[in-house]
Amino acid sequence: MSKIASTLTAPAISCMHCAMAITNGLKSVEGIDNVSVDVETKKVMVDYDSDLVSEESIKAKLSELGYPAEGQRFAY
């Protein structure tokens, strides 16, 4: 089990509704442990198990939700 923390930037984030849509959408993905969205900086912080979900699939889910993103991951 590999725990990963990714910080993704999603320029389309503009309000708390966006943050809630992202949080609810990502929390439904198996392997994602925690989601935090900062509307001001347009950052999505995701803690996940890389054995169950990949960063690419998280980005794909964000795109599906209407918030395409780029990011950087950190193992911990």
Protein backbone atom coordinates (compact mmCIF):
# COMPACT_ATOMS: atom_id res chain seq x y z
CA MET A 1 0.00 0.00 0.00
CA SER A 2 1.51 3.30 -1.13
CA LYS A 3 0.03 6.46 0.28
CA ILE A 4 0.39 9.47 -1.99
CA ALA A 5 -0.45 13.15 -1.49
CA SER A 6 -1.10 15.09 -4.69
CA THR A 7 -1.71 18.78 -5.12
CA LEU A 8 -3.50 19.52 -8.35
CA THR A 9 -4.34 22.89 -9.87
CA ALA A 10 -7.79 23.19 -11.46
CA PRO A 11 -8.18 26.66 -13.01
CA ALA A 12 -11.96 26.23 -13.46
CA ILE A 13 -12.58 26.34 -9.68
CA SER A 14 -14.44 29.55 -8.91
CA CYS A 15 -16.65 29.03 -5.86
CA MET A 16 -17.65 26.79 -2.96
CA HIS A 17 -20.09 24.94 -5.23
CA CYS A 18 -17.10 23.90 -7.34
CA ALA A 19 -15.27 22.78 -4.20
CA MET A 20 -18.23 20.68 -3.05
CA ALA A 21 -18.70 19.11 -6.50
CA ILE A 22 -15.01 18.14 -6.58
CA THR A 23 -14.98 16.84 -3.02
CA ASN A 24 -18.11 14.73 -3.47
CA GLY A 25 -17.02 13.48 -6.88
CA LEU A 26 -13.54 12.42 -5.79
CA LYS A 27 -14.60 10.90 -2.47
CA SER A 28 -16.69 8.41 -4.44
CA VAL A 29 -13.51 7.00 -6.04
CA GLU A 30 -12.13 3.88 -4.35
CA GLY A 31 -8.67 4.50 -2.90
CA ILE A 32 -9.09 8.22 -2.25
CA ASP A 33 -8.76 8.87 1.47
CA ASN A 34 -9.06 12.64 1.73
CA VAL A 35 -9.92 15.59 -0.51
CA SER A 36 -9.42 19.26 0.28
CA VAL A 37 -10.17 22.13 -2.10
CA ASP A 38 -8.86 25.70 -1.78
CA VAL A 39 -11.06 27.94 -3.93
CA GLU A 40 -8.74 30.97 -3.76
CA THR A 41 -5.65 29.14 -5.00
CA LYS A 42 -7.63 26.72 -7.21
CA LYS A 43 -5.79 23.80 -5.57
CA VAL A 44 -7.15 20.31 -4.98
CA MET A 45 -5.23 18.28 -2.39
CA VAL A 46 -5.84 14.54 -2.60
CA ASP A 47 -4.51 11.77 -0.35
CA TYR A 48 -4.85 8.35 -1.96
CA ASP A 49 -3.60 4.79 -2.13
CA SER A 50 -1.67 4.37 -5.38
CA ASP A 51 -2.33 0.61 -5.32
CA LEU A 52 -6.06 1.37 -5.82
CA VAL A 53 -6.14 4.55 -7.89
CA SER A 54 -3.66 6.43 -10.07
CA GLU A 55 -3.05 10.15 -10.35
CA GLU A 56 -4.07 9.91 -14.00
CA SER A 57 -7.45 8.44 -13.05
CA ILE A 58 -7.93 11.22 -10.49
CA LYS A 59 -7.19 13.79 -13.19
CA ALA A 60 -9.61 11.98 -15.51
CA LYS A 61 -12.32 12.14 -12.83
CA LEU A 62 -11.67 15.85 -12.33
CA SER A 63 -12.01 16.40 -16.08
CA GLU A 64 -15.24 14.39 -16.06
CA LEU A 65 -16.51 16.67 -13.29
CA GLY A 66 -15.62 19.73 -15.40
CA TYR A 67 -12.40 20.70 -13.60
CA PRO A 68 -9.38 19.61 -15.68
CA ALA A 69 -6.23 19.69 -13.57
CA GLU A 70 -2.47 19.40 -13.52
CA GLY A 71 -0.42 18.52 -10.49
CA GLN A 72 2.47 17.16 -8.56
CA ARG A 73 2.51 14.17 -6.21
CA PHE A 74 4.39 13.44 -3.03
CA ALA A 75 4.83 10.02 -1.42
CA TYR A 76 4.52 9.79 2.36
